[in-house]
Amino acid sequence: MNWLIPKAYAEATGGQWNWLGPVNSGNATVGGLANTVFHFVLLIAAVLAVIYLIYSGIIYITAAGNPDNAKKGQQGVINAIIGIIIIVAAYFIINLAMNIASGVAVGGGIL
């Protein structure tokens, strides 16, 4: 539901909305472009990590007693989960950095 708030804000301020977020054609900034690019790259990385997690899970399940395939699948699952954790952490760090750089109030105060 949080995606509705930026959409409503963009529509209320006369901006446009696309699947990457609000687009205000008159107020395009380098920071806004960087933010959009970072979020797009993180989205692609997250999709690839989930696909790799599913693939590794299938390798692990279909090992059929073969210890080499079981180890390969298990290591793939572990690596995919670590990758997803890194992607989520990067998302929060980028959002925090963008909020600090733009001077947005967080939690009732400015950081």
N, C-alpha and C. Protein backbone atom coordinates (compact mmCIF):
# COMPACT_ATOMS: atom_id res chain seq x y z
N MET A 1 0.80 -1.20 0.00
CA MET A 1 0.00 0.00 0.00
C MET A 1 0.84 1.27 0.00
N ASN A 2 2.11 1.17 0.42
CA ASN A 2 2.95 2.38 0.47
C ASN A 2 3.19 2.98 -0.91
N TRP A 3 3.09 2.17 -1.95
CA TRP A 3 3.31 2.70 -3.30
C TRP A 3 2.19 3.64 -3.72
N LEU A 4 1.03 3.57 -3.05
CA LEU A 4 -0.08 4.47 -3.39
C LEU A 4 0.21 5.90 -2.95
N ILE A 5 0.93 6.07 -1.86
CA ILE A 5 1.20 7.42 -1.34
C ILE A 5 2.04 8.22 -2.32
N PRO A 6 3.19 7.74 -2.82
CA PRO A 6 3.93 8.52 -3.80
C PRO A 6 3.14 8.76 -5.08
N LYS A 7 2.33 7.77 -5.49
CA LYS A 7 1.53 7.94 -6.70
C LYS A 7 0.53 9.06 -6.50
N ALA A 8 -0.14 9.08 -5.35
CA ALA A 8 -1.11 10.14 -5.07
C ALA A 8 -0.41 11.49 -4.98
N TYR A 9 0.78 11.52 -4.38
CA TYR A 9 1.52 12.78 -4.28
C TYR A 9 1.92 13.28 -5.67
N ALA A 10 2.39 12.38 -6.53
CA ALA A 10 2.79 12.77 -7.88
C ALA A 10 1.59 13.32 -8.65
N GLU A 11 0.45 12.67 -8.51
CA GLU A 11 -0.75 13.14 -9.21
C GLU A 11 -1.23 14.46 -8.65
N ALA A 12 -1.13 14.65 -7.32
CA ALA A 12 -1.60 15.88 -6.70
C ALA A 12 -0.72 17.07 -7.05
N THR A 13 0.57 16.83 -7.29
CA THR A 13 1.48 17.92 -7.60
C THR A 13 1.62 18.14 -9.10
N GLY A 14 0.82 17.45 -9.88
CA GLY A 14 0.85 17.64 -11.32
C GLY A 14 1.92 16.83 -12.02
N GLY A 15 2.57 15.95 -11.30
CA GLY A 15 3.59 15.11 -11.90
C GLY A 15 2.98 13.88 -12.54
N GLN A 16 3.82 13.07 -13.11
CA GLN A 16 3.38 11.83 -13.72
C GLN A 16 3.89 10.67 -12.88
N TRP A 17 3.39 9.49 -13.18
CA TRP A 17 3.78 8.30 -12.44
C TRP A 17 4.09 7.20 -13.43
N ASN A 18 5.20 6.50 -13.21
CA ASN A 18 5.47 5.30 -14.00
C ASN A 18 5.85 4.18 -13.05
N TRP A 19 6.20 3.04 -13.55
CA TRP A 19 6.46 1.89 -12.68
C TRP A 19 7.72 2.04 -11.84
N LEU A 20 8.57 3.00 -12.15
CA LEU A 20 9.76 3.26 -11.33
C LEU A 20 9.50 4.28 -10.24
N GLY A 21 8.40 4.99 -10.32
CA GLY A 21 8.07 5.99 -9.30
C GLY A 21 7.62 7.28 -9.93
N PRO A 22 7.52 8.35 -9.12
CA PRO A 22 7.03 9.62 -9.64
C PRO A 22 8.02 10.24 -10.62
N VAL A 23 7.47 10.84 -11.66
CA VAL A 23 8.28 11.52 -12.65
C VAL A 23 7.74 12.93 -12.79
N ASN A 24 8.52 13.90 -12.38
CA ASN A 24 8.15 15.30 -12.57
C ASN A 24 9.07 15.85 -13.64
N SER A 25 8.55 16.01 -14.84
CA SER A 25 9.40 16.36 -15.98
C SER A 25 10.07 17.72 -15.80
N GLY A 26 9.46 18.62 -15.07
CA GLY A 26 10.05 19.94 -14.89
C GLY A 26 11.11 20.00 -13.82
N ASN A 27 11.16 19.00 -12.93
CA ASN A 27 12.07 19.03 -11.79
C ASN A 27 13.06 17.86 -11.81
N ALA A 28 13.51 17.46 -12.98
CA ALA A 28 14.45 16.35 -13.07
C ALA A 28 15.81 16.78 -12.53
N THR A 29 16.37 15.97 -11.65
CA THR A 29 17.67 16.27 -11.05
C THR A 29 18.59 15.06 -11.22
N VAL A 30 19.85 15.32 -11.03
CA VAL A 30 20.83 14.23 -11.10
C VAL A 30 20.58 13.24 -9.97
N GLY A 31 20.24 13.75 -8.79
CA GLY A 31 19.94 12.86 -7.66
C GLY A 31 18.73 11.99 -7.93
N GLY A 32 17.71 12.57 -8.55
CA GLY A 32 16.52 11.80 -8.88
C GLY A 32 16.82 10.73 -9.91
N LEU A 33 17.64 11.06 -10.90
CA LEU A 33 18.03 10.09 -11.91
C LEU A 33 18.87 8.97 -11.28
N ALA A 34 19.81 9.34 -10.42
CA ALA A 34 20.64 8.34 -9.74
C ALA A 34 19.78 7.43 -8.87
N ASN A 35 18.82 8.02 -8.18
CA ASN A 35 17.92 7.24 -7.34
C ASN A 35 17.13 6.23 -8.18
N THR A 36 16.63 6.67 -9.31
CA THR A 36 15.88 5.78 -10.19
C THR A 36 16.77 4.67 -10.74
N VAL A 37 17.99 5.00 -11.14
CA VAL A 37 18.91 4.00 -11.67
C VAL A 37 19.27 2.98 -10.59
N PHE A 38 19.57 3.46 -9.37
CA PHE A 38 19.92 2.54 -8.28
C PHE A 38 18.77 1.60 -7.97
N HIS A 39 17.55 2.12 -7.92
CA HIS A 39 16.41 1.27 -7.62
C HIS A 39 16.16 0.26 -8.74
N PHE A 40 16.37 0.66 -9.98
CA PHE A 40 16.19 -0.26 -11.10
C PHE A 40 17.24 -1.38 -11.04
N VAL A 41 18.48 -1.03 -10.78
CA VAL A 41 19.56 -2.03 -10.69
C VAL A 41 19.29 -2.99 -9.52
N LEU A 42 18.84 -2.45 -8.39
CA LEU A 42 18.54 -3.32 -7.25
C LEU A 42 17.35 -4.23 -7.56
N LEU A 43 16.38 -3.74 -8.30
CA LEU A 43 15.24 -4.57 -8.68
C LEU A 43 15.70 -5.73 -9.56
N ILE A 44 16.53 -5.44 -10.55
CA ILE A 44 17.05 -6.50 -11.42
C ILE A 44 17.88 -7.50 -10.61
N ALA A 45 18.73 -7.00 -9.71
CA ALA A 45 19.56 -7.89 -8.88
C ALA A 45 18.69 -8.77 -7.99
N ALA A 46 17.62 -8.22 -7.43
CA ALA A 46 16.73 -9.00 -6.57
C ALA A 46 16.03 -10.10 -7.37
N VAL A 47 15.57 -9.77 -8.56
CA VAL A 47 14.91 -10.77 -9.40
C VAL A 47 15.89 -11.89 -9.75
N LEU A 48 17.11 -11.53 -10.12
CA LEU A 48 18.12 -12.55 -10.45
C LEU A 48 18.47 -13.40 -9.23
N ALA A 49 18.55 -12.80 -8.06
CA ALA A 49 18.87 -13.55 -6.84
C ALA A 49 17.77 -14.55 -6.51
N VAL A 50 16.52 -14.15 -6.68
CA VAL A 50 15.42 -15.07 -6.41
C VAL A 50 15.41 -16.20 -7.44
N ILE A 51 15.67 -15.89 -8.69
CA ILE A 51 15.75 -16.94 -9.71
C ILE A 51 16.89 -17.91 -9.38
N TYR A 52 18.03 -17.39 -8.95
CA TYR A 52 19.16 -18.26 -8.57
C TYR A 52 18.81 -19.10 -7.34
N LEU A 53 18.06 -18.53 -6.41
CA LEU A 53 17.63 -19.28 -5.23
C LEU A 53 16.74 -20.45 -5.64
N ILE A 54 15.80 -20.19 -6.53
CA ILE A 54 14.91 -21.26 -7.01
C ILE A 54 15.71 -22.33 -7.75
N TYR A 55 16.61 -21.90 -8.63
CA TYR A 55 17.44 -22.84 -9.39
C TYR A 55 18.28 -23.71 -8.45
N SER A 56 18.91 -23.09 -7.47
CA SER A 56 19.75 -23.85 -6.53
C SER A 56 18.91 -24.79 -5.68
N GLY A 57 17.72 -24.36 -5.32
CA GLY A 57 16.82 -25.23 -4.56
C GLY A 57 16.43 -26.46 -5.37
N ILE A 58 16.19 -26.27 -6.66
CA ILE A 58 15.86 -27.41 -7.52
C ILE A 58 17.05 -28.35 -7.64
N ILE A 59 18.25 -27.79 -7.78
CA ILE A 59 19.46 -28.64 -7.85
C ILE A 59 19.60 -29.44 -6.55
N TYR A 60 19.35 -28.81 -5.42
CA TYR A 60 19.48 -29.48 -4.12
C TYR A 60 18.44 -30.59 -3.96
N ILE A 61 17.21 -30.27 -4.36
CA ILE A 61 16.13 -31.26 -4.21
C ILE A 61 16.33 -32.45 -5.13
N THR A 62 16.80 -32.21 -6.33
CA THR A 62 16.96 -33.30 -7.31
C THR A 62 18.33 -33.97 -7.25
N ALA A 63 19.08 -33.76 -6.18
CA ALA A 63 20.41 -34.37 -6.06
C ALA A 63 20.33 -35.89 -6.01
N ALA A 64 19.24 -36.42 -5.49
CA ALA A 64 18.99 -37.87 -5.45
C ALA A 64 20.16 -38.65 -4.85
N GLY A 65 20.67 -38.17 -3.75
CA GLY A 65 21.73 -38.89 -3.06
C GLY A 65 23.12 -38.60 -3.56
N ASN A 66 23.26 -37.83 -4.61
CA ASN A 66 24.57 -37.46 -5.13
C ASN A 66 25.14 -36.34 -4.25
N PRO A 67 26.18 -36.62 -3.47
CA PRO A 67 26.69 -35.61 -2.53
C PRO A 67 27.26 -34.36 -3.21
N ASP A 68 27.80 -34.52 -4.43
CA ASP A 68 28.35 -33.36 -5.13
C ASP A 68 27.24 -32.38 -5.52
N ASN A 69 26.15 -32.92 -6.09
CA ASN A 69 25.03 -32.06 -6.46
C ASN A 69 24.34 -31.46 -5.24
N ALA A 70 24.24 -32.25 -4.17
CA ALA A 70 23.63 -31.74 -2.94
C ALA A 70 24.45 -30.58 -2.38
N LYS A 71 25.75 -30.73 -2.37
CA LYS A 71 26.63 -29.67 -1.87
C LYS A 71 26.54 -28.44 -2.77
N LYS A 72 26.51 -28.65 -4.09
CA LYS A 72 26.40 -27.54 -5.04
C LYS A 72 25.09 -26.78 -4.83
N GLY A 73 23.99 -27.51 -4.68
CA GLY A 73 22.69 -26.88 -4.46
C GLY A 73 22.63 -26.16 -3.13
N GLN A 74 23.17 -26.77 -2.09
CA GLN A 74 23.16 -26.15 -0.76
C GLN A 74 23.98 -24.86 -0.77
N GLN A 75 25.14 -24.90 -1.37
CA GLN A 75 25.99 -23.70 -1.44
C GLN A 75 25.31 -22.60 -2.26
N GLY A 76 24.62 -22.99 -3.33
CA GLY A 76 23.89 -22.02 -4.14
C GLY A 76 22.77 -21.34 -3.36
N VAL A 77 22.04 -22.11 -2.56
CA VAL A 77 20.98 -21.55 -1.73
C VAL A 77 21.56 -20.56 -0.73
N ILE A 78 22.65 -20.94 -0.09
CA ILE A 78 23.30 -20.05 0.89
C ILE A 78 23.77 -18.76 0.21
N ASN A 79 24.40 -18.90 -0.95
CA ASN A 79 24.87 -17.71 -1.67
C ASN A 79 23.72 -16.81 -2.11
N ALA A 80 22.61 -17.40 -2.55
CA ALA A 80 21.46 -16.60 -2.97
C ALA A 80 20.86 -15.84 -1.79
N ILE A 81 20.77 -16.48 -0.64
CA ILE A 81 20.22 -15.81 0.55
C ILE A 81 21.14 -14.68 0.99
N ILE A 82 22.45 -14.91 0.97
CA ILE A 82 23.39 -13.84 1.30
C ILE A 82 23.25 -12.68 0.31
N GLY A 83 23.09 -12.99 -0.96
CA GLY A 83 22.89 -11.96 -1.97
C GLY A 83 21.63 -11.15 -1.74
N ILE A 84 20.54 -11.83 -1.39
CA ILE A 84 19.29 -11.12 -1.11
C ILE A 84 19.44 -10.20 0.10
N ILE A 85 20.14 -10.67 1.13
CA ILE A 85 20.37 -9.83 2.31
C ILE A 85 21.19 -8.59 1.93
N ILE A 86 22.21 -8.77 1.11
CA ILE A 86 23.03 -7.64 0.67
C ILE A 86 22.20 -6.66 -0.16
N ILE A 87 21.33 -7.16 -1.03
CA ILE A 87 20.49 -6.30 -1.86
C ILE A 87 19.53 -5.49 -0.99
N VAL A 88 18.91 -6.13 0.00
CA VAL A 88 17.99 -5.42 0.89
C VAL A 88 18.74 -4.36 1.70
N ALA A 89 19.93 -4.70 2.19
CA ALA A 89 20.73 -3.72 2.93
C ALA A 89 21.11 -2.55 2.03
N ALA A 90 21.50 -2.83 0.80
CA ALA A 90 21.85 -1.76 -0.14
C ALA A 90 20.66 -0.86 -0.41
N TYR A 91 19.47 -1.44 -0.52
CA TYR A 91 18.26 -0.65 -0.74
C TYR A 91 18.06 0.34 0.40
N PHE A 92 18.16 -0.14 1.64
CA PHE A 92 17.96 0.75 2.78
C PHE A 92 19.07 1.80 2.90
N ILE A 93 20.29 1.42 2.62
CA ILE A 93 21.40 2.37 2.69
C ILE A 93 21.24 3.45 1.62
N ILE A 94 20.87 3.07 0.41
CA ILE A 94 20.67 4.05 -0.66
C ILE A 94 19.52 5.00 -0.32
N ASN A 95 18.41 4.44 0.19
CA ASN A 95 17.29 5.31 0.58
C ASN A 95 17.69 6.26 1.69
N LEU A 96 18.44 5.79 2.66
CA LEU A 96 18.88 6.66 3.75
C LEU A 96 19.79 7.75 3.22
N ALA A 97 20.72 7.40 2.36
CA ALA A 97 21.64 8.39 1.79
C ALA A 97 20.89 9.42 0.95
N MET A 98 19.93 8.98 0.17
CA MET A 98 19.15 9.92 -0.64
C MET A 98 18.31 10.84 0.24
N ASN A 99 17.74 10.29 1.31
CA ASN A 99 16.95 11.12 2.23
C ASN A 99 17.82 12.15 2.93
N ILE A 100 19.01 11.76 3.35
CA ILE A 100 19.92 12.70 4.00
C ILE A 100 20.37 13.75 3.02
N ALA A 101 20.70 13.34 1.79
CA ALA A 101 21.18 14.27 0.79
C ALA A 101 20.10 15.28 0.40
N SER A 102 18.85 14.85 0.39
CA SER A 102 17.77 15.77 0.00
C SER A 102 17.20 16.52 1.19
N GLY A 103 17.64 16.20 2.41
CA GLY A 103 17.17 16.91 3.59
C GLY A 103 15.76 16.54 4.01
N VAL A 104 15.33 15.35 3.67
CA VAL A 104 13.98 14.90 4.03
C VAL A 104 13.94 14.55 5.50
N ALA A 105 12.88 14.94 6.18
CA ALA A 105 12.72 14.63 7.59
C ALA A 105 12.41 13.14 7.73
N VAL A 106 13.09 12.48 8.66
CA VAL A 106 12.87 11.08 8.91
C VAL A 106 12.48 10.92 10.37
N GLY A 107 11.35 10.31 10.63
CA GLY A 107 10.92 10.06 12.01
C GLY A 107 10.63 11.33 12.78
N GLY A 108 10.19 12.35 12.14
CA GLY A 108 9.81 13.57 12.83
C GLY A 108 10.96 14.56 12.97
N GLY A 109 12.16 14.17 12.63
CA GLY A 109 13.31 15.09 12.73
C GLY A 109 14.21 14.94 11.54
N ILE A 110 15.06 15.89 11.35
CA ILE A 110 16.01 15.81 10.24
C ILE A 110 17.27 15.15 10.75
N LEU A 111 17.75 14.16 9.99
CA LEU A 111 18.99 13.48 10.40
C LEU A 111 20.18 14.36 10.18
